[in-house]
Amino acid sequence: MSMKVKQPPIPEGYLRIGPAAERLSLSRQTIEYYLLLGVVEPCRIEGRHGRFFDDELLEQIKTVRALNKAGYTLRDIREMFLKQGEQ
């Protein structure tokens, strides 16, 4: 018999990947792919396991989607974000 440890609730303003994908009208697999390629980095919450998405990260994913639709590769987009983070 396994005992589940009850986790504290997710803080307000954060979503798990499923609800984040729904809000963005994207598939969960699309977001998983962005994470796999390192285009976006999920939020970590101390004391919680898993990947979480806040409004800022959702906006970043929208930007990635728009740039990709405009013809930029995901590699190019990742590099843009990395350079932006260095400034």
N, C-alpha and C. Protein backbone atom coordinates (compact mmCIF):
# COMPACT_ATOMS: atom_id res chain seq x y z
N MET A 1 0.84 -1.18 0.00
CA MET A 1 0.00 0.00 0.00
C MET A 1 0.89 1.24 0.00
N SER A 2 0.75 2.07 -1.02
CA SER A 2 1.57 3.27 -1.09
C SER A 2 0.80 4.45 -0.51
N MET A 3 1.54 5.29 0.14
CA MET A 3 0.91 6.49 0.75
C MET A 3 1.33 7.70 -0.07
N LYS A 4 0.36 8.46 -0.49
CA LYS A 4 0.66 9.68 -1.23
C LYS A 4 0.91 10.80 -0.24
N VAL A 5 1.98 11.55 -0.50
CA VAL A 5 2.28 12.71 0.32
C VAL A 5 1.52 13.88 -0.29
N LYS A 6 0.73 14.54 0.52
CA LYS A 6 -0.05 15.67 0.01
C LYS A 6 0.86 16.87 -0.19
N GLN A 7 0.84 17.37 -1.42
CA GLN A 7 1.65 18.53 -1.78
C GLN A 7 0.87 19.80 -1.45
N PRO A 8 1.58 20.86 -1.12
CA PRO A 8 0.88 22.13 -0.91
C PRO A 8 0.27 22.60 -2.23
N PRO A 9 -0.77 23.42 -2.19
CA PRO A 9 -1.38 23.89 -3.44
C PRO A 9 -0.40 24.71 -4.27
N ILE A 10 -0.65 24.74 -5.56
CA ILE A 10 0.17 25.55 -6.46
C ILE A 10 -0.13 27.01 -6.16
N PRO A 11 0.90 27.83 -5.98
CA PRO A 11 0.65 29.25 -5.70
C PRO A 11 -0.16 29.91 -6.81
N GLU A 12 -0.94 30.89 -6.43
CA GLU A 12 -1.76 31.63 -7.39
C GLU A 12 -0.87 32.26 -8.46
N GLY A 13 -1.34 32.20 -9.69
CA GLY A 13 -0.59 32.79 -10.79
C GLY A 13 0.28 31.80 -11.53
N TYR A 14 0.32 30.55 -11.07
CA TYR A 14 1.11 29.50 -11.73
C TYR A 14 0.19 28.41 -12.25
N LEU A 15 0.58 27.84 -13.37
CA LEU A 15 -0.17 26.75 -13.99
C LEU A 15 0.75 25.59 -14.26
N ARG A 16 0.19 24.40 -14.29
CA ARG A 16 0.93 23.24 -14.78
C ARG A 16 0.85 23.27 -16.30
N ILE A 17 1.56 22.36 -16.96
CA ILE A 17 1.68 22.39 -18.42
C ILE A 17 0.34 22.21 -19.13
N GLY A 18 -0.51 21.33 -18.65
CA GLY A 18 -1.80 21.09 -19.31
C GLY A 18 -2.66 22.34 -19.38
N PRO A 19 -2.96 22.97 -18.23
CA PRO A 19 -3.73 24.21 -18.26
C PRO A 19 -3.04 25.35 -19.01
N ALA A 20 -1.70 25.39 -18.97
CA ALA A 20 -0.96 26.42 -19.72
C ALA A 20 -1.18 26.22 -21.21
N ALA A 21 -1.10 24.97 -21.67
CA ALA A 21 -1.32 24.67 -23.08
C ALA A 21 -2.73 25.06 -23.50
N GLU A 22 -3.70 24.75 -22.66
CA GLU A 22 -5.09 25.12 -22.96
C GLU A 22 -5.24 26.63 -23.09
N ARG A 23 -4.65 27.35 -22.15
CA ARG A 23 -4.76 28.81 -22.18
C ARG A 23 -4.14 29.40 -23.45
N LEU A 24 -3.07 28.78 -23.93
CA LEU A 24 -2.37 29.26 -25.12
C LEU A 24 -2.94 28.69 -26.42
N SER A 25 -3.89 27.79 -26.31
CA SER A 25 -4.45 27.09 -27.47
C SER A 25 -3.36 26.37 -28.26
N LEU A 26 -2.44 25.77 -27.53
CA LEU A 26 -1.37 24.96 -28.10
C LEU A 26 -1.50 23.55 -27.55
N SER A 27 -0.86 22.62 -28.22
CA SER A 27 -0.84 21.26 -27.68
C SER A 27 0.23 21.20 -26.58
N ARG A 28 0.01 20.28 -25.68
CA ARG A 28 0.99 20.04 -24.63
C ARG A 28 2.32 19.64 -25.26
N GLN A 29 2.25 18.88 -26.37
CA GLN A 29 3.46 18.41 -27.05
C GLN A 29 4.28 19.58 -27.60
N THR A 30 3.61 20.62 -28.07
CA THR A 30 4.33 21.80 -28.58
C THR A 30 5.14 22.43 -27.46
N ILE A 31 4.52 22.60 -26.31
CA ILE A 31 5.23 23.20 -25.18
C ILE A 31 6.35 22.27 -24.72
N GLU A 32 6.08 20.97 -24.67
CA GLU A 32 7.12 19.99 -24.30
C GLU A 32 8.32 20.11 -25.26
N TYR A 33 8.05 20.31 -26.54
CA TYR A 33 9.11 20.43 -27.54
C TYR A 33 9.93 21.70 -27.29
N TYR A 34 9.27 22.81 -26.99
CA TYR A 34 9.98 24.05 -26.67
C TYR A 34 10.88 23.85 -25.45
N LEU A 35 10.38 23.12 -24.46
CA LEU A 35 11.17 22.84 -23.26
C LEU A 35 12.36 21.95 -23.59
N LEU A 36 12.13 20.93 -24.39
CA LEU A 36 13.18 20.00 -24.77
C LEU A 36 14.32 20.71 -25.50
N LEU A 37 13.98 21.64 -26.38
CA LEU A 37 14.98 22.37 -27.15
C LEU A 37 15.62 23.51 -26.34
N GLY A 38 15.09 23.79 -25.18
CA GLY A 38 15.64 24.87 -24.36
C GLY A 38 15.22 26.26 -24.81
N VAL A 39 14.14 26.32 -25.58
CA VAL A 39 13.65 27.62 -26.05
C VAL A 39 13.01 28.38 -24.89
N VAL A 40 12.33 27.67 -24.01
CA VAL A 40 11.76 28.26 -22.80
C VAL A 40 12.15 27.40 -21.61
N GLU A 41 12.16 28.01 -20.46
CA GLU A 41 12.53 27.33 -19.22
C GLU A 41 11.38 27.48 -18.23
N PRO A 42 10.85 26.35 -17.72
CA PRO A 42 9.73 26.45 -16.79
C PRO A 42 10.15 27.05 -15.45
N CYS A 43 9.17 27.54 -14.73
CA CYS A 43 9.42 28.07 -13.39
C CYS A 43 9.55 26.91 -12.41
N ARG A 44 10.35 27.10 -11.42
CA ARG A 44 10.47 26.12 -10.33
C ARG A 44 9.92 26.79 -9.08
N ILE A 45 9.20 26.03 -8.28
CA ILE A 45 8.64 26.54 -7.05
C ILE A 45 9.25 25.74 -5.90
N GLU A 46 9.85 26.44 -4.96
CA GLU A 46 10.50 25.78 -3.84
C GLU A 46 9.50 24.91 -3.09
N GLY A 47 9.92 23.69 -2.82
CA GLY A 47 9.07 22.76 -2.09
C GLY A 47 8.07 22.02 -2.96
N ARG A 48 8.08 22.28 -4.25
CA ARG A 48 7.15 21.63 -5.18
C ARG A 48 7.96 20.93 -6.27
N HIS A 49 7.45 19.83 -6.72
CA HIS A 49 8.07 19.12 -7.85
C HIS A 49 7.25 19.41 -9.08
N GLY A 50 7.91 19.54 -10.21
CA GLY A 50 7.20 19.74 -11.46
C GLY A 50 7.58 21.05 -12.13
N ARG A 51 6.94 21.27 -13.24
CA ARG A 51 7.20 22.47 -14.04
C ARG A 51 5.96 23.35 -13.97
N PHE A 52 6.20 24.62 -13.79
CA PHE A 52 5.10 25.56 -13.63
C PHE A 52 5.27 26.72 -14.59
N PHE A 53 4.17 27.33 -14.95
CA PHE A 53 4.15 28.39 -15.94
C PHE A 53 3.42 29.59 -15.36
N ASP A 54 4.08 30.76 -15.40
CA ASP A 54 3.43 31.99 -14.94
C ASP A 54 3.10 32.84 -16.16
N ASP A 55 2.47 34.00 -15.93
CA ASP A 55 2.05 34.85 -17.04
C ASP A 55 3.22 35.30 -17.91
N GLU A 56 4.35 35.59 -17.29
CA GLU A 56 5.53 36.01 -18.05
C GLU A 56 6.00 34.90 -19.00
N LEU A 57 6.01 33.68 -18.52
CA LEU A 57 6.43 32.56 -19.35
C LEU A 57 5.41 32.28 -20.45
N LEU A 58 4.12 32.45 -20.15
CA LEU A 58 3.10 32.28 -21.19
C LEU A 58 3.29 33.30 -22.30
N GLU A 59 3.64 34.53 -21.94
CA GLU A 59 3.90 35.56 -22.95
C GLU A 59 5.13 35.21 -23.78
N GLN A 60 6.14 34.65 -23.13
CA GLN A 60 7.34 34.25 -23.85
C GLN A 60 7.00 33.14 -24.86
N ILE A 61 6.16 32.21 -24.47
CA ILE A 61 5.75 31.13 -25.38
C ILE A 61 4.96 31.70 -26.55
N LYS A 62 4.11 32.69 -26.30
CA LYS A 62 3.38 33.35 -27.39
C LYS A 62 4.36 34.01 -28.36
N THR A 63 5.40 34.62 -27.82
CA THR A 63 6.42 35.26 -28.66
C THR A 63 7.15 34.22 -29.50
N VAL A 64 7.50 33.10 -28.88
CA VAL A 64 8.17 32.02 -29.60
C VAL A 64 7.30 31.56 -30.76
N ARG A 65 6.04 31.37 -30.48
CA ARG A 65 5.10 30.90 -31.51
C ARG A 65 5.00 31.89 -32.67
N ALA A 66 4.89 33.18 -32.33
CA ALA A 66 4.79 34.22 -33.37
C ALA A 66 6.05 34.29 -34.22
N LEU A 67 7.22 34.25 -33.57
CA LEU A 67 8.48 34.30 -34.31
C LEU A 67 8.65 33.08 -35.20
N ASN A 68 8.26 31.92 -34.69
CA ASN A 68 8.37 30.69 -35.47
C ASN A 68 7.45 30.75 -36.69
N LYS A 69 6.25 31.26 -36.50
CA LYS A 69 5.31 31.40 -37.63
C LYS A 69 5.83 32.42 -38.64
N ALA A 70 6.63 33.40 -38.17
CA ALA A 70 7.19 34.42 -39.06
C ALA A 70 8.41 33.91 -39.83
N GLY A 71 8.84 32.69 -39.53
CA GLY A 71 9.93 32.11 -40.30
C GLY A 71 11.22 31.86 -39.54
N TYR A 72 11.31 32.30 -38.30
CA TYR A 72 12.51 32.04 -37.51
C TYR A 72 12.51 30.59 -37.05
N THR A 73 13.70 29.97 -37.04
CA THR A 73 13.79 28.60 -36.53
C THR A 73 13.79 28.66 -35.00
N LEU A 74 13.45 27.54 -34.39
CA LEU A 74 13.47 27.50 -32.92
C LEU A 74 14.89 27.68 -32.39
N ARG A 75 15.88 27.23 -33.13
CA ARG A 75 17.28 27.43 -32.74
C ARG A 75 17.60 28.93 -32.72
N ASP A 76 17.17 29.65 -33.78
CA ASP A 76 17.39 31.10 -33.84
C ASP A 76 16.69 31.81 -32.68
N ILE A 77 15.48 31.39 -32.39
CA ILE A 77 14.71 32.01 -31.30
C ILE A 77 15.40 31.78 -29.97
N ARG A 78 15.88 30.56 -29.74
CA ARG A 78 16.59 30.26 -28.50
C ARG A 78 17.82 31.15 -28.36
N GLU A 79 18.56 31.31 -29.45
CA GLU A 79 19.76 32.16 -29.43
C GLU A 79 19.39 33.61 -29.14
N MET A 80 18.28 34.09 -29.72
CA MET A 80 17.82 35.47 -29.45
C MET A 80 17.55 35.65 -27.96
N PHE A 81 16.86 34.68 -27.36
CA PHE A 81 16.53 34.78 -25.94
C PHE A 81 17.78 34.70 -25.08
N LEU A 82 18.74 33.85 -25.48
CA LEU A 82 19.98 33.74 -24.71
C LEU A 82 20.76 35.06 -24.76
N LYS A 83 20.84 35.67 -25.93
CA LYS A 83 21.54 36.96 -26.06
C LYS A 83 20.83 38.04 -25.28
N GLN A 84 19.51 38.02 -25.31
CA GLN A 84 18.72 39.00 -24.56
C GLN A 84 18.98 38.86 -23.06
N GLY A 85 19.12 37.63 -22.59
CA GLY A 85 19.38 37.38 -21.18
C GLY A 85 20.75 37.81 -20.73
N GLU A 86 21.69 37.89 -21.66
CA GLU A 86 23.05 38.31 -21.34
C GLU A 86 23.18 39.81 -21.15
N GLN A 87 22.23 40.56 -21.68
CA GLN A 87 22.30 42.04 -21.63
C GLN A 87 21.83 42.56 -20.31
